[in-house]
């Protein structure tokens, strides 16, 4: 909940939320942090979508999210890290599994995972545009 890269992703999703909602997409963020830590850290952004606490990494383990020191230190993540710092996230203040890499899942109405991206570095995510397009395609096919 205190990771600068995770916080910048929540910020991006928060900004895109009206478009995502119009495309029929519900957003849920799951963090390997306690509810208290989430309220004090990422929760201060007051996103319009739920953030769920998973302090024991149960959901992360079920979905097979990865851990990687190299992914954490990957230069591709540096810009996102700095954007998170500019957002006000204190350096060195993450909790939970520090080496956890991000993962994005697009889950259909039938609760099947239709698209999964397991990040190879700390800032790799599906683009907002790809998520939005997926939602629009789901609306059209319904």
N, C-alpha and C. Protein backbone atom coordinates (compact mmCIF):
# COMPACT_ATOMS: atom_id res chain seq x y z
N UNK A 1 0.82 -1.21 0.00
CA UNK A 1 0.00 0.00 0.00
C UNK A 1 0.86 1.26 0.00
N UNK A 2 2.13 1.12 0.34
CA UNK A 2 3.01 2.27 0.34
C UNK A 2 4.00 2.27 -0.81
N UNK A 3 3.84 1.38 -1.75
CA UNK A 3 4.75 1.30 -2.89
C UNK A 3 4.46 2.44 -3.87
N UNK A 4 5.47 3.23 -4.22
CA UNK A 4 5.24 4.33 -5.16
C UNK A 4 4.69 3.87 -6.51
N UNK A 5 5.17 2.73 -7.01
CA UNK A 5 4.69 2.24 -8.31
C UNK A 5 3.24 1.77 -8.23
N UNK A 6 2.87 1.15 -7.14
CA UNK A 6 1.49 0.71 -6.97
C UNK A 6 0.56 1.91 -6.82
N UNK A 7 1.01 2.91 -6.10
CA UNK A 7 0.20 4.10 -5.89
C UNK A 7 -0.01 4.88 -7.18
N UNK A 8 1.00 4.93 -8.04
CA UNK A 8 0.82 5.64 -9.30
C UNK A 8 -0.17 4.88 -10.18
N UNK A 9 -0.19 3.55 -10.10
CA UNK A 9 -1.17 2.78 -10.87
C UNK A 9 -2.58 3.07 -10.38
N UNK A 10 -2.78 3.13 -9.09
CA UNK A 10 -4.10 3.49 -8.56
C UNK A 10 -4.49 4.88 -9.04
N UNK A 11 -3.53 5.79 -9.06
CA UNK A 11 -3.79 7.15 -9.54
C UNK A 11 -4.22 7.13 -11.01
N UNK A 12 -3.54 6.36 -11.85
CA UNK A 12 -3.90 6.24 -13.26
C UNK A 12 -5.31 5.67 -13.42
N UNK A 13 -5.62 4.62 -12.66
CA UNK A 13 -6.94 4.01 -12.73
C UNK A 13 -8.02 4.97 -12.24
N UNK A 14 -7.69 5.75 -11.22
CA UNK A 14 -8.63 6.73 -10.69
C UNK A 14 -8.96 7.78 -11.76
N UNK A 15 -7.94 8.27 -12.46
CA UNK A 15 -8.17 9.25 -13.51
C UNK A 15 -8.99 8.67 -14.67
N UNK A 16 -8.75 7.41 -14.98
CA UNK A 16 -9.43 6.76 -16.11
C UNK A 16 -10.77 6.16 -15.71
N UNK A 17 -11.10 6.15 -14.45
CA UNK A 17 -12.28 5.44 -13.96
C UNK A 17 -13.58 5.83 -14.67
N UNK A 18 -13.86 7.10 -14.92
CA UNK A 18 -15.12 7.40 -15.64
C UNK A 18 -15.19 6.72 -17.01
N UNK A 19 -14.08 6.69 -17.74
CA UNK A 19 -14.06 6.02 -19.05
C UNK A 19 -14.21 4.51 -18.88
N UNK A 20 -13.53 3.95 -17.90
CA UNK A 20 -13.61 2.52 -17.67
C UNK A 20 -15.02 2.12 -17.25
N UNK A 21 -15.61 2.92 -16.40
CA UNK A 21 -16.98 2.65 -15.95
C UNK A 21 -17.95 2.72 -17.13
N UNK A 22 -17.75 3.69 -18.03
CA UNK A 22 -18.60 3.81 -19.22
C UNK A 22 -18.45 2.60 -20.13
N UNK A 23 -17.29 1.94 -20.07
CA UNK A 23 -17.05 0.74 -20.86
C UNK A 23 -17.53 -0.52 -20.14
N UNK A 24 -18.22 -0.34 -19.02
CA UNK A 24 -18.78 -1.47 -18.28
C UNK A 24 -17.79 -2.20 -17.40
N UNK A 25 -16.70 -1.54 -17.05
CA UNK A 25 -15.64 -2.19 -16.27
C UNK A 25 -15.73 -1.80 -14.80
N UNK A 26 -15.66 -2.81 -13.96
CA UNK A 26 -15.51 -2.59 -12.52
C UNK A 26 -14.04 -2.79 -12.18
N UNK A 27 -13.49 -1.91 -11.39
CA UNK A 27 -12.09 -1.98 -11.00
C UNK A 27 -12.01 -2.36 -9.53
N UNK A 28 -11.10 -3.28 -9.23
CA UNK A 28 -10.83 -3.67 -7.85
C UNK A 28 -9.32 -3.77 -7.71
N UNK A 29 -8.76 -3.16 -6.69
CA UNK A 29 -7.33 -3.27 -6.41
C UNK A 29 -7.13 -4.15 -5.18
N UNK A 30 -6.17 -5.05 -5.26
CA UNK A 30 -5.87 -5.95 -4.13
C UNK A 30 -4.42 -5.73 -3.74
N UNK A 31 -4.20 -5.45 -2.48
CA UNK A 31 -2.87 -5.14 -1.96
C UNK A 31 -2.49 -6.13 -0.87
N UNK A 32 -1.24 -6.54 -0.87
CA UNK A 32 -0.71 -7.40 0.18
C UNK A 32 -0.38 -6.58 1.42
N UNK A 33 -1.36 -5.90 1.92
CA UNK A 33 -1.20 -4.99 3.06
C UNK A 33 -2.40 -5.12 3.99
N UNK A 34 -2.25 -4.63 5.19
CA UNK A 34 -3.37 -4.61 6.13
C UNK A 34 -4.35 -3.51 5.75
N UNK A 35 -5.58 -3.63 6.20
CA UNK A 35 -6.59 -2.59 5.93
C UNK A 35 -6.15 -1.25 6.52
N UNK A 36 -5.56 -1.28 7.70
CA UNK A 36 -5.10 -0.04 8.34
C UNK A 36 -4.02 0.64 7.50
N UNK A 37 -3.05 -0.14 7.05
CA UNK A 37 -1.99 0.41 6.21
C UNK A 37 -2.57 0.98 4.92
N UNK A 38 -3.53 0.31 4.35
CA UNK A 38 -4.14 0.80 3.10
C UNK A 38 -4.86 2.13 3.33
N UNK A 39 -5.58 2.25 4.45
CA UNK A 39 -6.26 3.52 4.75
C UNK A 39 -5.25 4.66 4.87
N UNK A 40 -4.12 4.38 5.50
CA UNK A 40 -3.10 5.41 5.76
C UNK A 40 -2.26 5.74 4.52
N UNK A 41 -2.21 4.85 3.56
CA UNK A 41 -1.32 5.03 2.41
C UNK A 41 -2.11 5.20 1.13
N UNK A 42 -2.32 4.14 0.40
CA UNK A 42 -2.99 4.24 -0.90
C UNK A 42 -4.42 4.76 -0.76
N UNK A 43 -5.06 4.51 0.35
CA UNK A 43 -6.43 4.97 0.58
C UNK A 43 -6.58 6.47 0.63
N UNK A 44 -5.48 7.18 0.89
CA UNK A 44 -5.57 8.64 0.93
C UNK A 44 -5.89 9.23 -0.44
N UNK A 45 -5.72 8.44 -1.50
CA UNK A 45 -6.10 8.89 -2.84
C UNK A 45 -7.61 8.88 -3.04
N UNK A 46 -8.32 8.19 -2.15
CA UNK A 46 -9.77 8.06 -2.21
C UNK A 46 -10.25 7.63 -3.60
N UNK A 47 -9.78 6.48 -4.07
CA UNK A 47 -10.22 6.02 -5.38
C UNK A 47 -11.71 5.69 -5.36
N UNK A 48 -12.38 5.82 -6.52
CA UNK A 48 -13.81 5.55 -6.59
C UNK A 48 -14.12 4.05 -6.76
N UNK A 49 -13.14 3.21 -6.53
CA UNK A 49 -13.32 1.76 -6.65
C UNK A 49 -12.74 1.10 -5.41
N UNK A 50 -13.15 -0.13 -5.12
CA UNK A 50 -12.69 -0.78 -3.90
C UNK A 50 -11.22 -1.19 -3.95
N UNK A 51 -10.58 -1.05 -2.80
CA UNK A 51 -9.24 -1.56 -2.57
C UNK A 51 -9.37 -2.61 -1.46
N UNK A 52 -8.89 -3.80 -1.73
CA UNK A 52 -9.04 -4.89 -0.79
C UNK A 52 -7.70 -5.25 -0.15
N UNK A 53 -7.74 -5.50 1.15
CA UNK A 53 -6.54 -5.88 1.90
C UNK A 53 -6.34 -7.38 1.81
N UNK A 54 -5.12 -7.79 1.49
CA UNK A 54 -4.74 -9.20 1.42
C UNK A 54 -3.40 -9.37 2.14
N UNK A 55 -3.37 -9.09 3.46
CA UNK A 55 -2.09 -9.05 4.17
C UNK A 55 -1.34 -10.38 4.19
N UNK A 56 -2.04 -11.49 4.00
CA UNK A 56 -1.39 -12.80 3.98
C UNK A 56 -1.12 -13.28 2.55
N UNK A 57 -1.37 -12.41 1.56
CA UNK A 57 -1.12 -12.72 0.14
C UNK A 57 -1.88 -13.95 -0.36
N UNK A 58 -3.05 -14.21 0.22
CA UNK A 58 -3.84 -15.37 -0.18
C UNK A 58 -4.27 -15.24 -1.64
N UNK A 59 -4.83 -14.10 -2.02
CA UNK A 59 -5.28 -13.91 -3.40
C UNK A 59 -4.09 -13.88 -4.34
N UNK A 60 -3.03 -13.20 -3.94
CA UNK A 60 -1.82 -13.15 -4.77
C UNK A 60 -1.29 -14.56 -5.03
N UNK A 61 -1.28 -15.40 -4.01
CA UNK A 61 -0.81 -16.77 -4.18
C UNK A 61 -1.75 -17.58 -5.07
N UNK A 62 -3.07 -17.40 -4.90
CA UNK A 62 -4.03 -18.12 -5.74
C UNK A 62 -3.87 -17.78 -7.22
N UNK A 63 -3.57 -16.53 -7.52
CA UNK A 63 -3.41 -16.10 -8.91
C UNK A 63 -1.97 -16.23 -9.40
N UNK A 64 -1.09 -16.69 -8.54
CA UNK A 64 0.28 -16.97 -8.94
C UNK A 64 1.11 -15.75 -9.29
N UNK A 65 0.86 -14.62 -8.62
CA UNK A 65 1.68 -13.45 -8.89
C UNK A 65 3.12 -13.73 -8.46
N UNK A 66 4.04 -13.08 -9.13
CA UNK A 66 5.46 -13.39 -8.98
C UNK A 66 6.17 -12.42 -8.03
N UNK A 67 7.34 -12.84 -7.58
CA UNK A 67 8.25 -12.00 -6.82
C UNK A 67 9.55 -11.92 -7.61
N UNK A 68 10.16 -10.74 -7.61
CA UNK A 68 11.40 -10.61 -8.36
C UNK A 68 12.22 -9.41 -7.89
N UNK A 69 13.43 -9.66 -7.45
CA UNK A 69 14.33 -8.57 -7.10
C UNK A 69 14.72 -7.81 -8.37
N UNK A 70 15.00 -8.55 -9.45
CA UNK A 70 15.38 -7.90 -10.71
C UNK A 70 14.24 -7.05 -11.26
N UNK A 71 13.00 -7.53 -11.10
CA UNK A 71 11.85 -6.75 -11.54
C UNK A 71 11.69 -5.47 -10.74
N UNK A 72 11.99 -5.55 -9.45
CA UNK A 72 11.91 -4.37 -8.60
C UNK A 72 12.96 -3.33 -9.00
N UNK A 73 14.13 -3.80 -9.38
CA UNK A 73 15.24 -2.91 -9.71
C UNK A 73 15.32 -2.57 -11.20
N UNK A 74 14.42 -3.08 -12.00
CA UNK A 74 14.45 -2.86 -13.45
C UNK A 74 14.35 -1.37 -13.77
N UNK A 75 15.25 -0.87 -14.60
CA UNK A 75 15.21 0.56 -14.96
C UNK A 75 13.89 1.00 -15.61
N UNK A 76 13.16 0.07 -16.22
CA UNK A 76 11.88 0.41 -16.85
C UNK A 76 10.86 0.89 -15.82
N UNK A 77 11.05 0.50 -14.57
CA UNK A 77 10.13 0.89 -13.51
C UNK A 77 10.49 2.22 -12.86
N UNK A 78 11.66 2.75 -13.17
CA UNK A 78 12.16 3.94 -12.47
C UNK A 78 11.24 5.14 -12.66
N UNK A 79 10.75 5.38 -13.88
CA UNK A 79 9.87 6.53 -14.14
C UNK A 79 8.60 6.44 -13.31
N UNK A 80 8.02 5.26 -13.27
CA UNK A 80 6.81 5.06 -12.47
C UNK A 80 7.11 5.27 -10.98
N UNK A 81 8.25 4.79 -10.54
CA UNK A 81 8.66 4.97 -9.16
C UNK A 81 8.75 6.47 -8.83
N UNK A 82 9.40 7.23 -9.70
CA UNK A 82 9.56 8.66 -9.48
C UNK A 82 8.20 9.38 -9.52
N UNK A 83 7.31 8.96 -10.41
CA UNK A 83 5.96 9.54 -10.45
C UNK A 83 5.23 9.28 -9.14
N UNK A 84 5.43 8.09 -8.57
CA UNK A 84 4.83 7.78 -7.28
C UNK A 84 5.38 8.65 -6.17
N UNK A 85 6.68 8.90 -6.20
CA UNK A 85 7.31 9.79 -5.22
C UNK A 85 6.69 11.19 -5.34
N UNK A 86 6.53 11.67 -6.59
CA UNK A 86 5.94 12.99 -6.82
C UNK A 86 4.49 13.04 -6.35
N UNK A 87 3.83 11.89 -6.35
CA UNK A 87 2.45 11.80 -5.88
C UNK A 87 2.39 11.95 -4.36
N UNK A 88 3.54 11.78 -3.70
CA UNK A 88 3.59 11.96 -2.25
C UNK A 88 3.83 10.68 -1.47
N UNK A 89 4.12 9.59 -2.16
CA UNK A 89 4.40 8.34 -1.48
C UNK A 89 5.84 8.40 -0.98
N UNK A 90 6.02 8.14 0.30
CA UNK A 90 7.36 8.24 0.90
C UNK A 90 8.24 7.08 0.42
N UNK A 91 9.46 7.41 0.03
CA UNK A 91 10.44 6.41 -0.39
C UNK A 91 10.71 5.43 0.74
N UNK A 92 10.83 4.16 0.38
CA UNK A 92 11.17 3.15 1.37
C UNK A 92 10.06 2.84 2.34
N UNK A 93 8.83 3.09 1.95
CA UNK A 93 7.72 2.93 2.86
C UNK A 93 6.72 1.84 2.43
N UNK A 94 7.15 0.85 1.63
CA UNK A 94 6.19 -0.19 1.28
C UNK A 94 5.99 -1.15 2.44
N UNK A 95 4.89 -1.83 2.43
CA UNK A 95 4.69 -2.91 3.39
C UNK A 95 4.27 -4.13 2.60
N UNK A 96 4.07 -5.23 3.26
CA UNK A 96 3.72 -6.44 2.55
C UNK A 96 4.94 -7.01 1.84
N UNK A 97 4.69 -7.78 0.80
CA UNK A 97 5.75 -8.45 0.04
C UNK A 97 6.42 -7.45 -0.89
N UNK A 98 7.58 -6.97 -0.52
CA UNK A 98 8.28 -5.91 -1.24
C UNK A 98 8.64 -6.33 -2.67
N UNK A 99 8.93 -7.59 -2.88
CA UNK A 99 9.36 -8.06 -4.20
C UNK A 99 8.21 -8.48 -5.10
N UNK A 100 6.97 -8.29 -4.65
CA UNK A 100 5.80 -8.73 -5.43
C UNK A 100 5.69 -7.91 -6.71
N UNK A 101 5.59 -8.58 -7.82
CA UNK A 101 5.39 -7.91 -9.11
C UNK A 101 3.90 -7.71 -9.34
N UNK A 102 3.54 -6.66 -10.08
CA UNK A 102 2.13 -6.41 -10.34
C UNK A 102 1.54 -7.44 -11.31
N UNK A 103 0.26 -7.58 -11.25
CA UNK A 103 -0.46 -8.43 -12.20
C UNK A 103 -1.82 -7.79 -12.44
N UNK A 104 -2.27 -7.84 -13.68
CA UNK A 104 -3.58 -7.32 -14.06
C UNK A 104 -4.40 -8.46 -14.63
N UNK A 105 -5.68 -8.51 -14.25
CA UNK A 105 -6.57 -9.56 -14.74
C UNK A 105 -7.85 -8.92 -15.24
N UNK A 106 -8.25 -9.29 -16.45
CA UNK A 106 -9.53 -8.87 -16.99
C UNK A 106 -10.44 -10.08 -16.86
N UNK A 107 -11.47 -9.94 -16.03
CA UNK A 107 -12.35 -11.05 -15.68
C UNK A 107 -13.72 -10.79 -16.26
N UNK A 108 -14.20 -11.73 -17.06
CA UNK A 108 -15.48 -11.58 -17.74
C UNK A 108 -16.67 -11.77 -16.81
N UNK A 109 -17.85 -11.54 -17.36
CA UNK A 109 -19.09 -11.67 -16.59
C UNK A 109 -19.29 -13.09 -16.06
N UNK A 110 -18.70 -14.07 -16.74
CA UNK A 110 -18.79 -15.46 -16.29
C UNK A 110 -17.72 -15.81 -15.26
N UNK A 111 -16.98 -14.79 -14.80
CA UNK A 111 -15.93 -14.90 -13.78
C UNK A 111 -14.69 -15.65 -14.26
N UNK A 112 -14.54 -15.80 -15.57
CA UNK A 112 -13.32 -16.40 -16.12
C UNK A 112 -12.30 -15.31 -16.42
N UNK A 113 -11.04 -15.63 -16.20
CA UNK A 113 -9.98 -14.70 -16.55
C UNK A 113 -9.84 -14.72 -18.07
N UNK A 114 -10.11 -13.57 -18.69
CA UNK A 114 -10.04 -13.47 -20.15
C UNK A 114 -8.68 -12.96 -20.61
N UNK A 115 -8.00 -12.23 -19.76
CA UNK A 115 -6.67 -11.71 -20.09
C UNK A 115 -5.92 -11.52 -18.79
N UNK A 116 -4.68 -11.94 -18.77
CA UNK A 116 -3.83 -11.77 -17.59
C UNK A 116 -2.48 -11.23 -18.04
N UNK A 117 -1.98 -10.30 -17.28
CA UNK A 117 -0.63 -9.80 -17.50
C UNK A 117 0.11 -9.90 -16.17
N UNK A 118 1.14 -10.71 -16.15
CA UNK A 118 2.02 -10.81 -15.00
C UNK A 118 3.21 -9.92 -15.28
N UNK A 119 3.32 -8.81 -14.55
CA UNK A 119 4.37 -7.84 -14.79
C UNK A 119 5.76 -8.42 -14.59
N UNK A 120 6.65 -8.10 -15.53
CA UNK A 120 8.03 -8.55 -15.40
C UNK A 120 8.87 -7.54 -14.62
N UNK A 121 8.31 -6.35 -14.42
CA UNK A 121 8.97 -5.35 -13.58
C UNK A 121 7.90 -4.61 -12.79
N UNK A 122 8.33 -3.82 -11.85
CA UNK A 122 7.41 -3.22 -10.88
C UNK A 122 6.40 -2.24 -11.43
N UNK A 123 6.49 -1.87 -12.69
CA UNK A 123 5.54 -0.90 -13.24
C UNK A 123 4.85 -1.42 -14.50
N UNK A 124 4.97 -2.71 -14.79
CA UNK A 124 4.36 -3.24 -16.02
C UNK A 124 2.90 -3.60 -15.78
N UNK A 125 2.03 -2.97 -16.55
CA UNK A 125 0.59 -3.18 -16.45
C UNK A 125 -0.02 -3.18 -17.84
N UNK A 126 -1.25 -3.67 -17.92
CA UNK A 126 -2.02 -3.49 -19.14
C UNK A 126 -2.25 -2.00 -19.30
N UNK A 127 -2.25 -1.52 -20.53
CA UNK A 127 -2.52 -0.10 -20.74
C UNK A 127 -3.99 0.19 -20.45
N UNK A 128 -4.25 1.41 -20.04
CA UNK A 128 -5.63 1.84 -19.81
C UNK A 128 -6.45 1.65 -21.09
N UNK A 129 -5.84 1.94 -22.24
CA UNK A 129 -6.52 1.81 -23.52
C UNK A 129 -6.92 0.36 -23.79
N UNK A 130 -6.01 -0.57 -23.51
CA UNK A 130 -6.34 -1.99 -23.72
C UNK A 130 -7.47 -2.43 -22.81
N UNK A 131 -7.45 -1.99 -21.57
CA UNK A 131 -8.52 -2.34 -20.63
C UNK A 131 -9.85 -1.78 -21.13
N UNK A 132 -9.83 -0.52 -21.54
CA UNK A 132 -11.04 0.13 -22.03
C UNK A 132 -11.59 -0.59 -23.28
N UNK A 133 -10.72 -0.94 -24.21
CA UNK A 133 -11.14 -1.65 -25.42
C UNK A 133 -11.75 -3.00 -25.08
N UNK A 134 -11.15 -3.71 -24.14
CA UNK A 134 -11.68 -5.00 -23.71
C UNK A 134 -13.10 -4.82 -23.16
N UNK A 135 -13.29 -3.77 -22.35
CA UNK A 135 -14.62 -3.53 -21.79
C UNK A 135 -15.64 -3.22 -22.88
N UNK A 136 -15.24 -2.41 -23.84
CA UNK A 136 -16.16 -2.06 -24.94
C UNK A 136 -16.52 -3.29 -25.75
N UNK A 137 -15.57 -4.16 -26.01
CA UNK A 137 -15.84 -5.40 -26.75
C UNK A 137 -16.80 -6.28 -25.96
N UNK A 138 -16.62 -6.32 -24.65
CA UNK A 138 -17.51 -7.11 -23.80
C UNK A 138 -18.93 -6.57 -23.83
N UNK A 139 -19.07 -5.23 -23.85
CA UNK A 139 -20.39 -4.62 -23.94
C UNK A 139 -21.07 -4.95 -25.27
N UNK A 140 -20.31 -4.88 -26.34
CA UNK A 140 -20.87 -5.12 -27.68
C UNK A 140 -21.28 -6.58 -27.87
N UNK A 141 -20.56 -7.50 -27.23
CA UNK A 141 -20.86 -8.92 -27.41
C UNK A 141 -21.94 -9.41 -26.45
N UNK A 142 -22.35 -8.56 -25.53
CA UNK A 142 -23.36 -8.99 -24.53
C UNK A 142 -24.77 -8.93 -25.12
